[in-house]
N, C-alpha and C. Protein backbone atom coordinates (compact mmCIF):
# COMPACT_ATOMS: atom_id res chain seq x y z
N MET A 1 -46.42 -98.60 -34.06
CA MET A 1 -47.68 -99.33 -34.00
C MET A 1 -48.16 -99.53 -32.56
N ILE A 2 -47.29 -99.26 -31.60
CA ILE A 2 -47.67 -99.48 -30.21
C ILE A 2 -48.89 -98.65 -29.84
N GLU A 3 -49.02 -97.48 -30.43
CA GLU A 3 -50.16 -96.62 -30.12
C GLU A 3 -51.38 -96.89 -31.00
N ASP A 4 -51.29 -97.82 -31.93
CA ASP A 4 -52.39 -98.17 -32.81
C ASP A 4 -53.39 -99.01 -32.03
N ASP A 5 -54.64 -98.56 -31.98
CA ASP A 5 -55.66 -99.26 -31.20
C ASP A 5 -56.07 -100.61 -31.79
N ARG A 6 -55.58 -100.94 -32.99
CA ARG A 6 -55.86 -102.27 -33.55
C ARG A 6 -55.08 -103.36 -32.81
N PHE A 7 -54.07 -102.95 -32.07
CA PHE A 7 -53.19 -103.91 -31.40
C PHE A 7 -53.24 -103.70 -29.90
N ARG A 8 -52.99 -104.76 -29.18
CA ARG A 8 -52.86 -104.66 -27.73
C ARG A 8 -51.61 -105.41 -27.33
N LEU A 9 -50.71 -104.71 -26.69
CA LEU A 9 -49.50 -105.34 -26.18
C LEU A 9 -49.83 -106.05 -24.87
N HIS A 10 -49.17 -107.15 -24.65
CA HIS A 10 -49.30 -107.90 -23.40
C HIS A 10 -47.91 -108.13 -22.84
N VAL A 11 -47.75 -107.89 -21.54
CA VAL A 11 -46.46 -108.10 -20.90
C VAL A 11 -46.63 -108.87 -19.60
N SER A 12 -45.55 -109.48 -19.21
CA SER A 12 -45.44 -110.13 -17.90
C SER A 12 -44.10 -109.66 -17.32
N THR A 13 -43.91 -109.90 -16.05
CA THR A 13 -42.65 -109.49 -15.42
C THR A 13 -41.44 -110.11 -16.13
N PRO A 14 -41.47 -111.41 -16.44
CA PRO A 14 -40.29 -111.98 -17.14
C PRO A 14 -40.04 -111.33 -18.51
N LEU A 15 -41.10 -110.97 -19.23
CA LEU A 15 -40.90 -110.36 -20.54
C LEU A 15 -40.30 -108.96 -20.41
N VAL A 16 -40.79 -108.17 -19.47
CA VAL A 16 -40.23 -106.84 -19.26
C VAL A 16 -38.76 -106.94 -18.83
N ALA A 17 -38.45 -107.89 -17.97
CA ALA A 17 -37.05 -108.10 -17.56
C ALA A 17 -36.18 -108.49 -18.76
N GLU A 18 -36.71 -109.30 -19.65
CA GLU A 18 -35.98 -109.69 -20.86
C GLU A 18 -35.74 -108.48 -21.77
N TYR A 19 -36.78 -107.67 -21.98
CA TYR A 19 -36.62 -106.45 -22.77
C TYR A 19 -35.50 -105.59 -22.19
N GLU A 20 -35.54 -105.38 -20.89
CA GLU A 20 -34.54 -104.53 -20.25
C GLU A 20 -33.14 -105.11 -20.41
N SER A 21 -33.00 -106.41 -20.20
CA SER A 21 -31.70 -107.06 -20.33
C SER A 21 -31.14 -106.93 -21.74
N VAL A 22 -31.96 -107.21 -22.73
CA VAL A 22 -31.51 -107.16 -24.12
C VAL A 22 -31.17 -105.73 -24.53
N LEU A 23 -32.02 -104.77 -24.16
CA LEU A 23 -31.78 -103.39 -24.57
C LEU A 23 -30.57 -102.78 -23.89
N LYS A 24 -30.25 -103.24 -22.69
CA LYS A 24 -29.13 -102.64 -21.96
C LYS A 24 -27.81 -103.37 -22.17
N ARG A 25 -27.75 -104.22 -23.17
CA ARG A 25 -26.48 -104.90 -23.49
C ARG A 25 -25.50 -103.97 -24.17
N GLY A 26 -25.90 -102.75 -24.47
CA GLY A 26 -24.98 -101.77 -25.03
C GLY A 26 -24.88 -101.76 -26.54
N ARG A 27 -25.78 -102.43 -27.22
CA ARG A 27 -25.71 -102.47 -28.68
C ARG A 27 -26.52 -101.35 -29.34
N LEU A 28 -27.23 -100.57 -28.55
CA LEU A 28 -28.03 -99.48 -29.09
C LEU A 28 -27.40 -98.14 -28.72
N ALA A 29 -27.69 -97.15 -29.50
CA ALA A 29 -27.18 -95.81 -29.22
C ALA A 29 -28.17 -95.07 -28.32
N LEU A 30 -28.63 -95.74 -27.27
CA LEU A 30 -29.55 -95.15 -26.30
C LEU A 30 -28.91 -95.18 -24.93
N SER A 31 -29.19 -94.16 -24.15
CA SER A 31 -28.71 -94.15 -22.76
C SER A 31 -29.61 -95.07 -21.93
N GLU A 32 -29.14 -95.43 -20.75
CA GLU A 32 -29.97 -96.25 -19.87
C GLU A 32 -31.26 -95.53 -19.54
N SER A 33 -31.21 -94.24 -19.38
CA SER A 33 -32.41 -93.45 -19.10
C SER A 33 -33.40 -93.52 -20.26
N GLN A 34 -32.90 -93.44 -21.49
CA GLN A 34 -33.77 -93.55 -22.67
C GLN A 34 -34.38 -94.94 -22.77
N ILE A 35 -33.58 -95.96 -22.47
CA ILE A 35 -34.08 -97.33 -22.49
C ILE A 35 -35.17 -97.49 -21.44
N ASP A 36 -34.96 -96.95 -20.26
CA ASP A 36 -35.99 -96.99 -19.22
C ASP A 36 -37.27 -96.31 -19.69
N ASP A 37 -37.13 -95.20 -20.42
CA ASP A 37 -38.31 -94.50 -20.95
C ASP A 37 -39.06 -95.38 -21.95
N VAL A 38 -38.33 -96.09 -22.81
CA VAL A 38 -38.96 -96.98 -23.79
C VAL A 38 -39.72 -98.09 -23.05
N ILE A 39 -39.09 -98.70 -22.09
CA ILE A 39 -39.73 -99.78 -21.33
C ILE A 39 -40.95 -99.25 -20.58
N ASP A 40 -40.82 -98.09 -19.97
CA ASP A 40 -41.96 -97.48 -19.27
C ASP A 40 -43.12 -97.23 -20.23
N PHE A 41 -42.81 -96.76 -21.44
CA PHE A 41 -43.85 -96.51 -22.45
C PHE A 41 -44.56 -97.81 -22.83
N ILE A 42 -43.78 -98.86 -23.07
CA ILE A 42 -44.37 -100.16 -23.40
C ILE A 42 -45.27 -100.62 -22.26
N CYS A 43 -44.79 -100.53 -21.04
CA CYS A 43 -45.57 -100.98 -19.89
C CYS A 43 -46.84 -100.15 -19.70
N ALA A 44 -46.77 -98.87 -20.02
CA ALA A 44 -47.95 -98.01 -19.88
C ALA A 44 -49.03 -98.36 -20.89
N ARG A 45 -48.63 -98.84 -22.06
CA ARG A 45 -49.59 -99.18 -23.12
C ARG A 45 -50.07 -100.62 -23.06
N ALA A 46 -49.39 -101.46 -22.31
CA ALA A 46 -49.66 -102.91 -22.34
C ALA A 46 -50.63 -103.36 -21.26
N THR A 47 -51.20 -104.52 -21.51
CA THR A 47 -51.97 -105.23 -20.50
C THR A 47 -50.99 -106.11 -19.75
N HIS A 48 -51.03 -106.05 -18.43
CA HIS A 48 -50.08 -106.79 -17.60
C HIS A 48 -50.72 -108.10 -17.14
N HIS A 49 -49.92 -109.18 -17.17
CA HIS A 49 -50.42 -110.50 -16.79
C HIS A 49 -49.47 -111.16 -15.79
N GLN A 50 -50.08 -111.82 -14.81
CA GLN A 50 -49.31 -112.70 -13.92
C GLN A 50 -49.49 -114.12 -14.45
N ILE A 51 -48.42 -114.87 -14.50
CA ILE A 51 -48.44 -116.21 -15.09
C ILE A 51 -48.19 -117.24 -14.00
N PHE A 52 -49.04 -118.29 -13.98
CA PHE A 52 -48.91 -119.33 -12.96
C PHE A 52 -49.03 -120.72 -13.57
N TYR A 53 -48.36 -120.98 -14.69
CA TYR A 53 -48.42 -122.29 -15.34
C TYR A 53 -47.31 -123.19 -14.82
N LEU A 54 -47.58 -124.48 -14.84
CA LEU A 54 -46.59 -125.45 -14.35
C LEU A 54 -46.25 -126.51 -15.40
N TRP A 55 -46.33 -126.16 -16.67
CA TRP A 55 -46.09 -127.17 -17.71
C TRP A 55 -44.78 -126.95 -18.46
N ARG A 56 -43.83 -126.34 -17.86
CA ARG A 56 -42.52 -126.17 -18.50
C ARG A 56 -41.74 -127.47 -18.48
N PRO A 57 -40.83 -127.73 -19.34
CA PRO A 57 -40.58 -127.02 -20.59
C PRO A 57 -41.57 -127.44 -21.66
N ALA A 58 -41.89 -126.54 -22.55
CA ALA A 58 -42.83 -126.82 -23.63
C ALA A 58 -42.21 -126.59 -25.00
N LEU A 59 -41.20 -125.76 -25.08
CA LEU A 59 -40.63 -125.39 -26.37
C LEU A 59 -39.23 -125.96 -26.55
N LYS A 60 -38.75 -125.90 -27.78
CA LYS A 60 -37.41 -126.36 -28.13
C LYS A 60 -36.37 -125.63 -27.27
N ASP A 61 -36.54 -124.32 -27.12
CA ASP A 61 -35.65 -123.52 -26.27
C ASP A 61 -36.41 -123.15 -25.01
N PRO A 62 -36.12 -123.79 -23.88
CA PRO A 62 -36.86 -123.51 -22.64
C PRO A 62 -36.80 -122.04 -22.21
N ASP A 63 -35.80 -121.29 -22.69
CA ASP A 63 -35.74 -119.88 -22.37
C ASP A 63 -36.86 -119.07 -23.03
N ASP A 64 -37.57 -119.68 -23.99
CA ASP A 64 -38.68 -119.01 -24.66
C ASP A 64 -40.03 -119.35 -24.03
N ASP A 65 -40.06 -120.27 -23.07
CA ASP A 65 -41.33 -120.70 -22.49
C ASP A 65 -42.14 -119.55 -21.89
N PHE A 66 -41.48 -118.58 -21.29
CA PHE A 66 -42.22 -117.48 -20.67
C PHE A 66 -43.00 -116.67 -21.72
N VAL A 67 -42.49 -116.61 -22.95
CA VAL A 67 -43.20 -115.91 -24.02
C VAL A 67 -44.45 -116.70 -24.41
N LEU A 68 -44.32 -118.00 -24.54
CA LEU A 68 -45.47 -118.85 -24.83
C LEU A 68 -46.51 -118.76 -23.72
N GLU A 69 -46.07 -118.81 -22.49
CA GLU A 69 -47.01 -118.72 -21.36
C GLU A 69 -47.80 -117.42 -21.41
N LEU A 70 -47.14 -116.32 -21.72
CA LEU A 70 -47.82 -115.04 -21.82
C LEU A 70 -48.82 -115.05 -22.98
N ALA A 71 -48.43 -115.61 -24.12
CA ALA A 71 -49.34 -115.67 -25.27
C ALA A 71 -50.58 -116.50 -24.95
N VAL A 72 -50.40 -117.62 -24.25
CA VAL A 72 -51.54 -118.45 -23.86
C VAL A 72 -52.46 -117.65 -22.93
N LYS A 73 -51.89 -117.03 -21.93
CA LYS A 73 -52.67 -116.25 -20.96
C LYS A 73 -53.42 -115.10 -21.64
N ALA A 74 -52.75 -114.43 -22.59
CA ALA A 74 -53.33 -113.27 -23.26
C ALA A 74 -54.24 -113.63 -24.43
N GLY A 75 -54.22 -114.90 -24.86
CA GLY A 75 -54.98 -115.28 -26.05
C GLY A 75 -54.43 -114.58 -27.28
N ALA A 76 -53.10 -114.49 -27.35
CA ALA A 76 -52.44 -113.73 -28.42
C ALA A 76 -51.52 -114.62 -29.24
N ASP A 77 -51.17 -114.14 -30.41
CA ASP A 77 -50.16 -114.79 -31.23
C ASP A 77 -48.81 -114.15 -30.94
N ILE A 78 -47.76 -114.79 -31.42
CA ILE A 78 -46.39 -114.32 -31.19
C ILE A 78 -45.79 -113.88 -32.51
N VAL A 79 -45.25 -112.66 -32.54
CA VAL A 79 -44.53 -112.16 -33.72
C VAL A 79 -43.05 -112.27 -33.38
N THR A 80 -42.35 -113.10 -34.16
CA THR A 80 -40.94 -113.39 -33.84
C THR A 80 -40.18 -113.80 -35.09
N TRP A 81 -38.89 -113.47 -35.12
CA TRP A 81 -38.01 -113.97 -36.18
C TRP A 81 -37.64 -115.42 -35.91
N ASN A 82 -37.93 -115.91 -34.73
CA ASN A 82 -37.50 -117.23 -34.28
C ASN A 82 -38.66 -118.23 -34.33
N GLU A 83 -39.31 -118.33 -35.47
CA GLU A 83 -40.48 -119.21 -35.61
C GLU A 83 -40.16 -120.67 -35.30
N GLY A 84 -38.99 -121.13 -35.67
CA GLY A 84 -38.63 -122.53 -35.47
C GLY A 84 -38.72 -122.98 -34.03
N ASP A 85 -38.30 -122.13 -33.11
CA ASP A 85 -38.36 -122.50 -31.70
C ASP A 85 -39.77 -122.45 -31.14
N PHE A 86 -40.72 -121.89 -31.88
CA PHE A 86 -42.09 -121.79 -31.39
C PHE A 86 -43.05 -122.72 -32.13
N LYS A 87 -42.54 -123.73 -32.83
CA LYS A 87 -43.41 -124.66 -33.56
C LYS A 87 -44.40 -125.37 -32.63
N ARG A 88 -43.96 -125.71 -31.44
CA ARG A 88 -44.84 -126.41 -30.49
C ARG A 88 -45.92 -125.51 -29.89
N ALA A 89 -45.83 -124.22 -30.15
CA ALA A 89 -46.84 -123.29 -29.62
C ALA A 89 -48.22 -123.59 -30.17
N ALA A 90 -48.28 -124.16 -31.37
CA ALA A 90 -49.57 -124.47 -31.98
C ALA A 90 -50.41 -125.41 -31.12
N GLN A 91 -49.76 -126.32 -30.38
CA GLN A 91 -50.53 -127.24 -29.54
C GLN A 91 -51.23 -126.51 -28.39
N PHE A 92 -50.85 -125.26 -28.15
CA PHE A 92 -51.48 -124.43 -27.13
C PHE A 92 -52.42 -123.39 -27.75
N GLY A 93 -52.65 -123.51 -29.06
CA GLY A 93 -53.53 -122.57 -29.75
C GLY A 93 -52.88 -121.24 -30.07
N VAL A 94 -51.55 -121.20 -30.07
CA VAL A 94 -50.81 -119.97 -30.33
C VAL A 94 -50.09 -120.09 -31.66
N LYS A 95 -50.24 -119.07 -32.49
CA LYS A 95 -49.57 -119.04 -33.78
C LYS A 95 -48.34 -118.15 -33.66
N ALA A 96 -47.22 -118.59 -34.20
CA ALA A 96 -46.01 -117.79 -34.28
C ALA A 96 -45.82 -117.37 -35.73
N VAL A 97 -45.68 -116.08 -35.94
CA VAL A 97 -45.53 -115.55 -37.30
C VAL A 97 -44.34 -114.61 -37.33
N ASN A 98 -43.59 -114.66 -38.44
CA ASN A 98 -42.43 -113.76 -38.51
C ASN A 98 -42.89 -112.34 -38.83
N PRO A 99 -42.11 -111.34 -38.43
CA PRO A 99 -42.52 -109.95 -38.61
C PRO A 99 -42.81 -109.56 -40.06
N ARG A 100 -42.06 -110.10 -41.00
CA ARG A 100 -42.30 -109.77 -42.41
C ARG A 100 -43.70 -110.19 -42.83
N ILE A 101 -44.09 -111.42 -42.49
CA ILE A 101 -45.43 -111.91 -42.84
C ILE A 101 -46.50 -111.11 -42.08
N PHE A 102 -46.23 -110.81 -40.81
CA PHE A 102 -47.16 -110.01 -40.02
C PHE A 102 -47.42 -108.66 -40.70
N LEU A 103 -46.36 -107.99 -41.14
CA LEU A 103 -46.51 -106.69 -41.79
C LEU A 103 -47.22 -106.82 -43.14
N GLU A 104 -46.95 -107.90 -43.88
CA GLU A 104 -47.65 -108.13 -45.15
C GLU A 104 -49.14 -108.31 -44.91
N GLN A 105 -49.50 -109.03 -43.84
CA GLN A 105 -50.91 -109.22 -43.51
C GLN A 105 -51.56 -107.89 -43.14
N LEU A 106 -50.83 -107.03 -42.45
CA LEU A 106 -51.37 -105.71 -42.10
C LEU A 106 -51.67 -104.88 -43.33
N GLU A 107 -50.80 -104.98 -44.34
CA GLU A 107 -51.00 -104.22 -45.57
C GLU A 107 -52.27 -104.66 -46.28
N LYS A 108 -52.66 -105.91 -46.13
CA LYS A 108 -53.86 -106.44 -46.78
C LYS A 108 -55.12 -106.13 -46.00
N THR A 109 -54.96 -105.75 -44.72
CA THR A 109 -56.11 -105.47 -43.87
C THR A 109 -56.52 -104.02 -44.01
N PRO A 110 -57.80 -103.77 -44.31
CA PRO A 110 -58.25 -102.36 -44.47
C PRO A 110 -58.18 -101.58 -43.16
């Protein structure tokens, strides 16, 4: 779906660093070079944002604040399996939806 023009990916430096860290933990059958290619592809398709907010912490898990900050800056919603930690995102006008519901909504959209 990354190449689908109905969607726009948004990234920030902390999010790209998180992607890289998680992907390179060795749980995937991808080489570091392949992981770098995936990250480069995401970055090439995404809108890049610099974040300068000073209202941390805002969420139950402060390690998730950078995702909320990016969503606020981008005017985007968050698709995550971790909806519980993003309940406070609503006060910033950001909706957190789990991937299953997101995909169900896509099926209903022409």
